[in-house]
Amino acid sequence: MGLRNHFGQLLSFIKEKLFHWVSIVFFSVSDKRGLYPFKNTMKKKIMEWSLKSLDIIMLFFLFLSR
């Protein structure tokens, strides 16, 4: 149980860092290409997609760690 809790904390930390990193990369790309009108919606889509895929990976690892 303790291991699973620690693993969950590690995954949430990775998730948080990835979220931060994706937003930084997207902002730098959109600033260079001047995608200001699309910035918010595209950023939202990318964030949602990355978080969904991370949730699936997390569930898979939790299933394996049982």
C-alpha atoms as a PDB file:
ATOM      1  CA  MET A   1       0.000   0.000   0.000  1.00  0.00           C
ATOM      2  CA  GLY A   2       2.819   2.386   0.875  1.00  0.00           C
ATOM      3  CA  LEU A   3       4.539   1.661  -2.422  1.00  0.00           C
ATOM      4  CA  ARG A   4       1.380   2.354  -4.400  1.00  0.00           C
ATOM      5  CA  ASN A   5       0.883   5.681  -2.606  1.00  0.00           C
ATOM      6  CA  HIS A   6       4.479   6.693  -3.340  1.00  0.00           C
ATOM      7  CA  PHE A   7       4.036   5.631  -6.968  1.00  0.00           C
ATOM      8  CA  GLY A   8       0.883   7.715  -7.239  1.00  0.00           C
ATOM      9  CA  GLN A   9       2.673  10.768  -5.875  1.00  0.00           C
ATOM     10  CA  LEU A  10       5.493  10.245  -8.373  1.00  0.00           C
ATOM     11  CA  LEU A  11       3.021   9.976 -11.257  1.00  0.00           C
ATOM     12  CA  SER A  12       1.162  13.124 -10.239  1.00  0.00           C
ATOM     13  CA  PHE A  13       4.493  14.968 -10.028  1.00  0.00           C
ATOM     14  CA  ILE A  14       5.454  13.776 -13.531  1.00  0.00           C
ATOM     15  CA  LYS A  15       2.006  14.722 -14.809  1.00  0.00           C
ATOM     16  CA  GLU A  16       2.344  18.225 -13.357  1.00  0.00           C
ATOM     17  CA  LYS A  17       5.818  18.702 -14.867  1.00  0.00           C
ATOM     18  CA  LEU A  18       4.708  17.442 -18.274  1.00  0.00           C
ATOM     19  CA  PHE A  19       1.691  19.761 -18.216  1.00  0.00           C
ATOM     20  CA  HIS A  20       4.041  22.689 -17.484  1.00  0.00           C
ATOM     21  CA  TRP A  21       6.531  21.616 -20.160  1.00  0.00           C
ATOM     22  CA  VAL A  22       3.859  21.152 -22.849  1.00  0.00           C
ATOM     23  CA  SER A  23       2.446  24.618 -22.173  1.00  0.00           C
ATOM     24  CA  ILE A  24       5.925  26.227 -22.381  1.00  0.00           C
ATOM     25  CA  VAL A  25       6.737  24.450 -25.640  1.00  0.00           C
ATOM     26  CA  PHE A  26       3.369  25.324 -27.130  1.00  0.00           C
ATOM     27  CA  PHE A  27       3.701  28.989 -26.197  1.00  0.00           C
ATOM     28  CA  SER A  28       7.164  29.250 -27.750  1.00  0.00           C
ATOM     29  CA  VAL A  29       6.006  27.526 -30.956  1.00  0.00           C
ATOM     30  CA  SER A  30       2.847  29.624 -31.251  1.00  0.00           C
ATOM     31  CA  ASP A  31       4.773  32.846 -30.594  1.00  0.00           C
ATOM     32  CA  LYS A  32       7.256  32.080 -33.377  1.00  0.00           C
ATOM     33  CA  ARG A  33       4.557  31.222 -35.890  1.00  0.00           C
ATOM     34  CA  GLY A  34       2.109  33.885 -34.749  1.00  0.00           C
ATOM     35  CA  LEU A  35      -0.807  31.561 -34.005  1.00  0.00           C
ATOM     36  CA  TYR A  36      -2.447  33.975 -31.597  1.00  0.00           C
ATOM     37  CA  PRO A  37      -6.104  33.374 -32.585  1.00  0.00           C
ATOM     38  CA  PHE A  38      -5.730  29.603 -32.207  1.00  0.00           C
ATOM     39  CA  LYS A  39      -3.483  29.637 -29.161  1.00  0.00           C
ATOM     40  CA  ASN A  40      -6.028  29.067 -26.405  1.00  0.00           C
ATOM     41  CA  THR A  41      -8.173  26.422 -28.088  1.00  0.00           C
ATOM     42  CA  MET A  42      -5.197  24.463 -29.412  1.00  0.00           C
ATOM     43  CA  LYS A  43      -3.450  24.682 -26.064  1.00  0.00           C
ATOM     44  CA  LYS A  44      -6.587  23.367 -24.372  1.00  0.00           C
ATOM     45  CA  LYS A  45      -6.840  20.467 -26.835  1.00  0.00           C
ATOM     46  CA  ILE A  46      -3.179  19.532 -26.375  1.00  0.00           C
ATOM     47  CA  MET A  47      -3.488  19.718 -22.586  1.00  0.00           C
ATOM     48  CA  GLU A  48      -6.636  17.575 -22.570  1.00  0.00           C
ATOM     49  CA  TRP A  49      -5.074  14.990 -24.860  1.00  0.00           C
ATOM     50  CA  SER A  50      -1.820  14.745 -22.886  1.00  0.00           C
ATOM     51  CA  LEU A  51      -3.672  14.478 -19.571  1.00  0.00           C
ATOM     52  CA  LYS A  52      -6.006  11.779 -20.925  1.00  0.00           C
ATOM     53  CA  SER A  53      -3.116   9.713 -22.245  1.00  0.00           C
ATOM     54  CA  LEU A  54      -1.280  10.152 -18.923  1.00  0.00           C
ATOM     55  CA  ASP A  55      -4.386   9.004 -17.034  1.00  0.00           C
ATOM     56  CA  ILE A  56      -4.553   5.853 -19.161  1.00  0.00           C
ATOM     57  CA  ILE A  57      -0.843   5.170 -18.510  1.00  0.00           C
ATOM     58  CA  MET A  58      -1.343   5.769 -14.784  1.00  0.00           C
ATOM     59  CA  LEU A  59      -4.315   3.381 -14.647  1.00  0.00           C
ATOM     60  CA  PHE A  60      -2.282   0.765 -16.491  1.00  0.00           C
ATOM     61  CA  PHE A  61       0.606   1.069 -14.008  1.00  0.00           C
ATOM     62  CA  LEU A  62      -1.778   0.953 -11.045  1.00  0.00           C
ATOM     63  CA  PHE A  63      -3.311  -2.203 -12.503  1.00  0.00           C
ATOM     64  CA  LEU A  64       0.156  -3.737 -12.886  1.00  0.00           C
ATOM     65  CA  SER A  65       1.218  -2.775  -9.359  1.00  0.00           C
ATOM     66  CA  ARG A  66      -1.702  -4.633  -7.707  1.00  0.00           C
END
